[in-house]
Amino acid sequence: MLRLEQMTAGAKLLQADDKRVLFETAGTYKFPHKKYQLQIYHHMLRITGEHEGHVPLLLNQRQLSFNVRKPVLKITAIDRWQRKWEFYLEFQ
């Protein structure tokens, strides 16, 4: 999740719904102006690039959800032991 925070620092939010978030990295990121998609897929939170495969960020989650209130994305995860986690990402 730390790497995701670094990727989204200064990133531009392009599209968002309840299952996926499309964003473009900032010009200061080590891979500037690249588009990535953050997705809820089955019981996994994953990130995909435009042309590459996916990288799982959270696996075996009981429940995942996105709540977007521009410019903030709230990711809620409940794991199989019923622990609740909330992650906040701020976009431009």
C-alpha atoms as a PDB file:
ATOM      1  CA  MET A   1       0.000   0.000   0.000  1.00  0.00           C
ATOM      2  CA  LEU A   2       2.977   2.289   0.535  1.00  0.00           C
ATOM      3  CA  ARG A   3       3.912   1.933  -3.125  1.00  0.00           C
ATOM      4  CA  LEU A   4       0.338   2.777  -4.105  1.00  0.00           C
ATOM      5  CA  GLU A   5       0.529   5.926  -1.986  1.00  0.00           C
ATOM      6  CA  GLN A   6       3.739   6.912  -3.783  1.00  0.00           C
ATOM      7  CA  MET A   7       2.152   6.262  -7.187  1.00  0.00           C
ATOM      8  CA  THR A   8      -0.910   8.366  -6.430  1.00  0.00           C
ATOM      9  CA  ALA A   9       0.894  11.314  -4.821  1.00  0.00           C
ATOM     10  CA  GLY A  10       0.075  14.197  -7.145  1.00  0.00           C
ATOM     11  CA  ALA A  11      -1.690  11.835  -9.569  1.00  0.00           C
ATOM     12  CA  LYS A  12      -4.676  12.925 -11.606  1.00  0.00           C
ATOM     13  CA  LEU A  13      -7.970  11.048 -11.141  1.00  0.00           C
ATOM     14  CA  LEU A  14      -9.422  10.308 -14.597  1.00  0.00           C
ATOM     15  CA  GLN A  15     -12.407   8.018 -13.917  1.00  0.00           C
ATOM     16  CA  ALA A  16     -13.874   6.240 -10.930  1.00  0.00           C
ATOM     17  CA  ASP A  17     -16.756   3.942 -10.119  1.00  0.00           C
ATOM     18  CA  ASP A  18     -17.476   1.321  -7.466  1.00  0.00           C
ATOM     19  CA  LYS A  19     -15.151  -1.323  -9.006  1.00  0.00           C
ATOM     20  CA  ARG A  20     -12.286   0.571 -10.652  1.00  0.00           C
ATOM     21  CA  VAL A  21     -10.329   3.800 -10.542  1.00  0.00           C
ATOM     22  CA  LEU A  22      -8.307   5.098 -13.483  1.00  0.00           C
ATOM     23  CA  PHE A  23      -5.530   7.584 -12.741  1.00  0.00           C
ATOM     24  CA  GLU A  24      -2.460   9.152 -14.345  1.00  0.00           C
ATOM     25  CA  THR A  25       0.765   9.483 -12.375  1.00  0.00           C
ATOM     26  CA  ALA A  26       2.281  12.889 -11.712  1.00  0.00           C
ATOM     27  CA  GLY A  27       5.144  14.282 -13.755  1.00  0.00           C
ATOM     28  CA  THR A  28       7.427  13.920 -10.741  1.00  0.00           C
ATOM     29  CA  TYR A  29       6.822  10.166 -10.303  1.00  0.00           C
ATOM     30  CA  LYS A  30       9.576   7.809 -11.541  1.00  0.00           C
ATOM     31  CA  PHE A  31       7.221   6.708 -14.363  1.00  0.00           C
ATOM     32  CA  PRO A  32       5.601  10.067 -15.228  1.00  0.00           C
ATOM     33  CA  HIS A  33       2.224  10.454 -16.936  1.00  0.00           C
ATOM     34  CA  LYS A  34       1.457   6.723 -17.061  1.00  0.00           C
ATOM     35  CA  LYS A  35      -2.103   5.501 -16.695  1.00  0.00           C
ATOM     36  CA  TYR A  36      -2.943   2.858 -14.125  1.00  0.00           C
ATOM     37  CA  GLN A  37      -6.154   1.206 -13.065  1.00  0.00           C
ATOM     38  CA  LEU A  38      -6.932   0.205  -9.501  1.00  0.00           C
ATOM     39  CA  GLN A  39      -9.527  -2.595  -9.500  1.00  0.00           C
ATOM     40  CA  ILE A  40     -11.593  -4.727  -7.200  1.00  0.00           C
ATOM     41  CA  TYR A  41     -11.478  -8.177  -8.760  1.00  0.00           C
ATOM     42  CA  HIS A  42     -13.130 -11.080  -6.939  1.00  0.00           C
ATOM     43  CA  HIS A  43     -11.576 -10.957  -3.444  1.00  0.00           C
ATOM     44  CA  MET A  44      -8.512  -8.982  -4.491  1.00  0.00           C
ATOM     45  CA  LEU A  45      -7.441  -5.372  -4.849  1.00  0.00           C
ATOM     46  CA  ARG A  46      -5.087  -5.084  -7.807  1.00  0.00           C
ATOM     47  CA  ILE A  47      -3.404  -2.484  -9.963  1.00  0.00           C
ATOM     48  CA  THR A  48      -2.854  -2.782 -13.700  1.00  0.00           C
ATOM     49  CA  GLY A  49      -0.922  -0.716 -16.187  1.00  0.00           C
ATOM     50  CA  GLU A  50      -2.015   0.087 -19.716  1.00  0.00           C
ATOM     51  CA  HIS A  51      -0.045  -2.733 -21.325  1.00  0.00           C
ATOM     52  CA  GLU A  52       1.248  -4.910 -18.497  1.00  0.00           C
ATOM     53  CA  GLY A  53      -0.351  -7.537 -16.279  1.00  0.00           C
ATOM     54  CA  HIS A  54      -1.690  -6.915 -12.819  1.00  0.00           C
ATOM     55  CA  VAL A  55      -0.074  -6.608  -9.397  1.00  0.00           C
ATOM     56  CA  PRO A  56      -2.143  -7.820  -6.439  1.00  0.00           C
ATOM     57  CA  LEU A  57      -2.154  -5.401  -3.504  1.00  0.00           C
ATOM     58  CA  LEU A  58      -4.579  -7.104  -1.112  1.00  0.00           C
ATOM     59  CA  LEU A  59      -5.521 -10.779  -1.417  1.00  0.00           C
ATOM     60  CA  ASN A  60      -8.200 -12.982   0.142  1.00  0.00           C
ATOM     61  CA  GLN A  61     -10.367 -10.127   1.363  1.00  0.00           C
ATOM     62  CA  ARG A  62     -13.920 -10.837   2.455  1.00  0.00           C
ATOM     63  CA  GLN A  63     -15.150  -7.439   1.272  1.00  0.00           C
ATOM     64  CA  LEU A  64     -13.642  -4.525  -0.671  1.00  0.00           C
ATOM     65  CA  SER A  65     -15.228  -1.228  -1.641  1.00  0.00           C
ATOM     66  CA  PHE A  66     -14.368   2.152  -3.131  1.00  0.00           C
ATOM     67  CA  ASN A  67     -15.939   5.424  -2.068  1.00  0.00           C
ATOM     68  CA  VAL A  68     -14.936   8.392  -4.212  1.00  0.00           C
ATOM     69  CA  ARG A  69     -15.427  11.959  -3.118  1.00  0.00           C
ATOM     70  CA  LYS A  70     -13.136  13.825  -5.440  1.00  0.00           C
ATOM     71  CA  PRO A  71     -10.257  14.276  -4.873  1.00  0.00           C
ATOM     72  CA  VAL A  72     -10.214  11.542  -2.182  1.00  0.00           C
ATOM     73  CA  LEU A  73     -10.616   7.808  -2.729  1.00  0.00           C
ATOM     74  CA  LYS A  74     -11.498   5.747   0.329  1.00  0.00           C
ATOM     75  CA  ILE A  75     -10.743   2.023   0.075  1.00  0.00           C
ATOM     76  CA  THR A  76     -12.445  -0.142   2.667  1.00  0.00           C
ATOM     77  CA  ALA A  77     -11.266  -3.717   3.150  1.00  0.00           C
ATOM     78  CA  ILE A  78     -12.584  -6.349   5.518  1.00  0.00           C
ATOM     79  CA  ASP A  79     -10.352  -9.392   5.781  1.00  0.00           C
ATOM     80  CA  ARG A  80     -11.344 -12.971   6.492  1.00  0.00           C
ATOM     81  CA  TRP A  81     -10.901 -12.398  10.249  1.00  0.00           C
ATOM     82  CA  GLN A  82     -13.417  -9.514  10.105  1.00  0.00           C
ATOM     83  CA  ARG A  83     -10.749  -6.844  10.631  1.00  0.00           C
ATOM     84  CA  LYS A  84     -11.679  -3.600   8.910  1.00  0.00           C
ATOM     85  CA  TRP A  85      -9.049  -1.459   7.165  1.00  0.00           C
ATOM     86  CA  GLU A  86      -9.511   1.941   5.557  1.00  0.00           C
ATOM     87  CA  PHE A  87      -7.043   3.501   3.141  1.00  0.00           C
ATOM     88  CA  TYR A  88      -7.296   7.065   1.832  1.00  0.00           C
ATOM     89  CA  LEU A  89      -5.680   8.265  -1.381  1.00  0.00           C
ATOM     90  CA  GLU A  90      -5.780  11.907  -2.434  1.00  0.00           C
ATOM     91  CA  PHE A  91      -5.669  12.833  -6.122  1.00  0.00           C
ATOM     92  CA  GLN A  92      -5.507  16.143  -7.950  1.00  0.00           C
END
